[in-house]
Protein backbone atom coordinates (compact mmCIF):
# COMPACT_ATOMS: atom_id res chain seq x y z
CA MET A 1 -26.90 -18.90 -60.18
CA ALA A 2 -28.61 -19.62 -57.00
CA LYS A 3 -27.79 -17.56 -54.00
CA THR A 4 -25.97 -19.77 -51.52
CA ASP A 5 -26.29 -19.33 -47.79
CA PHE A 6 -23.05 -20.32 -46.09
CA HIS A 7 -24.32 -19.84 -42.54
CA THR A 8 -24.90 -22.99 -40.59
CA GLU A 9 -27.91 -23.59 -38.43
CA ALA A 10 -25.82 -23.21 -35.23
CA GLU A 11 -24.70 -19.74 -36.26
CA ASN A 12 -28.29 -18.60 -36.69
CA LYS A 13 -29.40 -19.80 -33.23
CA PRO A 14 -29.28 -17.37 -30.37
CA TYR A 15 -26.36 -17.93 -28.04
CA ASP A 16 -27.80 -20.33 -25.49
CA ARG A 17 -24.69 -21.19 -23.47
CA GLU A 18 -23.35 -19.08 -20.64
CA LEU A 19 -19.72 -17.98 -20.77
CA ILE A 20 -19.28 -18.83 -17.09
CA PRO A 21 -21.35 -21.71 -15.75
CA ARG A 22 -23.95 -20.74 -13.16
CA ARG A 23 -22.68 -23.33 -10.65
CA MET A 24 -19.17 -21.91 -10.81
CA MET A 25 -20.43 -18.37 -10.19
CA THR A 26 -22.52 -19.61 -7.26
CA GLY A 27 -19.47 -21.34 -5.78
CA VAL A 28 -17.33 -18.22 -6.13
CA LEU A 29 -20.06 -16.10 -4.52
CA ILE A 30 -20.32 -18.53 -1.57
CA LEU A 31 -16.52 -18.50 -1.17
CA VAL A 32 -16.34 -14.68 -1.20
CA CYS A 33 -19.20 -14.36 1.31
CA THR A 34 -17.61 -16.96 3.61
CA VAL A 35 -14.26 -15.16 3.59
CA LEU A 36 -15.99 -11.82 4.21
CA LEU A 37 -17.89 -13.27 7.17
CA LEU A 38 -14.75 -14.84 8.69
CA VAL A 39 -12.72 -11.64 8.36
CA SER A 40 -15.57 -9.54 9.77
CA TYR A 41 -15.92 -11.92 12.73
CA ALA A 42 -12.17 -11.80 13.42
CA ARG A 43 -12.09 -7.99 13.32
CA LEU A 44 -15.25 -7.49 15.39
CA THR A 45 -14.12 -9.90 18.12
CA ASP A 46 -10.56 -8.46 18.24
CA ARG A 47 -8.94 -11.80 17.51
CA PRO A 48 -5.13 -11.60 17.81
CA LEU A 49 -3.09 -11.29 14.64
CA VAL A 50 -1.24 -14.59 14.34
CA GLY A 51 0.88 -13.85 11.26
CA VAL A 52 2.70 -10.92 12.84
CA PRO A 53 6.39 -11.42 13.75
CA PRO A 54 7.13 -11.29 17.49
CA VAL A 55 8.24 -7.92 18.82
CA SER A 56 11.85 -7.91 19.95
CA PRO A 57 14.26 -5.12 20.92
CA VAL A 58 16.92 -4.10 18.41
CA ALA A 59 20.33 -5.55 19.27
CA GLN A 60 22.30 -3.94 16.41
CA SER A 61 21.53 -1.50 13.64
CA LEU A 62 23.40 0.09 10.77
CA GLU A 63 22.43 2.89 8.41
CA ILE A 64 23.45 2.01 4.84
CA TYR A 65 23.10 3.39 1.35
CA LEU A 66 22.42 0.92 -1.46
CA GLN A 67 23.33 1.55 -5.08
CA SER A 68 22.73 -0.93 -7.86
CA ASP A 69 21.73 -1.29 -11.46
CA THR A 70 19.99 -3.80 -13.66
CA SER A 71 23.21 -5.77 -14.27
CA GLY A 72 23.12 -7.07 -10.69
CA SER A 73 26.09 -5.08 -9.42
CA VAL A 74 25.69 -3.52 -5.99
CA LEU A 75 27.55 -0.97 -3.89
CA VAL A 76 26.80 -0.66 -0.17
CA ARG A 77 28.12 2.32 1.81
CA ASP A 78 27.76 3.21 5.47
CA SER A 79 26.65 6.65 6.68
CA GLN A 80 30.27 7.95 6.57
CA GLY A 81 30.63 6.92 2.91
CA ASN A 82 32.87 3.89 3.55
CA VAL A 83 32.36 1.08 1.05
CA LEU A 84 31.14 -2.06 2.82
CA VAL A 85 30.34 -4.19 -0.24
CA ASP A 86 31.22 -3.71 -3.89
CA ARG A 87 30.07 -6.54 -6.11
CA GLY A 88 30.23 -6.57 -9.87
CA PRO A 89 27.58 -7.49 -12.43
CA ASN A 90 25.65 -10.68 -11.63
CA GLU A 91 27.27 -10.81 -8.15
CA GLY A 92 24.97 -8.54 -6.16
CA GLY A 93 22.48 -11.30 -5.39
CA PHE A 94 20.00 -10.57 -2.62
CA LEU A 95 21.50 -7.14 -1.84
CA SER A 96 20.74 -6.03 -5.39
CA THR A 97 17.26 -7.55 -5.19
CA MET A 98 16.45 -5.64 -2.01
CA TRP A 99 17.70 -2.43 -3.62
CA ARG A 100 15.11 -2.97 -6.37
CA VAL A 101 12.37 -3.59 -3.77
CA VAL A 102 13.28 -0.38 -1.90
CA THR A 103 13.49 1.59 -5.15
CA ARG A 104 10.07 0.38 -6.25
CA GLU A 105 8.48 1.36 -2.92
CA ARG A 106 10.09 4.79 -3.11
CA GLN A 107 8.74 5.29 -6.62
CA VAL A 108 5.25 4.35 -5.43
CA HIS A 109 5.50 6.80 -2.51
CA ARG A 110 7.08 9.47 -4.77
CA VAL A 111 10.08 10.08 -2.54
CA PRO A 112 13.77 10.49 -3.52
CA LEU A 113 15.45 7.22 -4.50
CA ASP A 114 18.83 7.90 -2.90
CA GLY A 115 17.99 7.82 0.82
CA SER A 116 19.43 5.47 3.38
CA VAL A 117 17.93 2.32 4.88
CA ILE A 118 18.53 0.91 8.35
CA VAL A 119 19.46 -2.75 8.76
CA ARG A 120 18.45 -4.08 12.17
CA LYS A 121 19.25 -7.30 13.99
CA HIS A 122 16.81 -8.00 16.79
CA GLU A 123 17.55 -9.88 20.00
CA ASN A 124 15.41 -12.83 18.88
CA GLY A 125 17.46 -13.22 15.67
CA ARG A 126 15.06 -11.42 13.31
CA MET A 127 16.65 -9.30 10.60
CA THR A 128 14.73 -6.30 9.28
CA MET A 129 15.41 -3.44 6.92
CA PHE A 130 13.65 -0.16 7.65
CA ASP A 131 13.27 2.57 5.05
CA PRO A 132 12.75 5.93 6.83
CA SER A 133 11.61 7.64 3.62
CA THR A 134 8.59 5.32 3.21
CA ASN A 135 8.21 4.00 6.80
CA GLU A 136 8.30 0.46 5.39
CA THR A 137 9.89 -2.42 7.31
CA LEU A 138 10.97 -5.48 5.36
CA GLU A 139 11.32 -8.79 7.19
CA LEU A 140 14.55 -10.16 5.73
CA ASN A 141 14.15 -13.58 7.37
CA GLY A 142 11.04 -14.05 5.26
CA PHE A 143 13.32 -14.38 2.22
CA GLY A 144 15.30 -17.22 3.78
CA ILE A 145 18.09 -17.42 6.33
CA ASP A 146 20.87 -17.26 3.73
CA ASN A 147 19.48 -14.04 2.31
CA ALA A 148 19.12 -12.54 5.79
CA ARG A 149 22.76 -13.41 6.47
CA ALA A 150 23.80 -11.27 3.49
CA PHE A 151 22.57 -8.27 5.47
CA GLU A 152 23.75 -9.62 8.84
CA LYS A 153 27.32 -9.64 7.47
CA LEU A 154 27.03 -5.88 6.96
CA LEU A 155 26.69 -5.42 10.73
CA ILE A 156 30.16 -6.92 11.24
CA TYR A 157 31.98 -4.18 9.30
């Protein structure tokens, strides 16, 4: 029997095609350099930060403790331990979501998970949530006005 070679001619050729086309890599390099130049120019010339929310005094604030679980239930207490909100599974909505955000940040910063947060309503209508254990401020209006109202209702209690 004759020895049969099952390799095709294409398999025996050296790999002559690039995995990423040269033009694409050149375009990406130009894009990265352009962004780097623009950011450097903005920082060196002290251009104002335009994406920063306007500073406004705090009109109301409330220290709260959030408790939740993966089912979506949420329990919100004030600093005296009074229950402000108690929602069952799948009813916690945005309050439960924000508890997960705060918990994640606390895990990253390696601080206790059970600390309080401070809900603030500013004079210009902004709603923020400040976590003293991580020094993080979350802009609640950035999640939509309806979601910010979920925290604004807590200030009424």
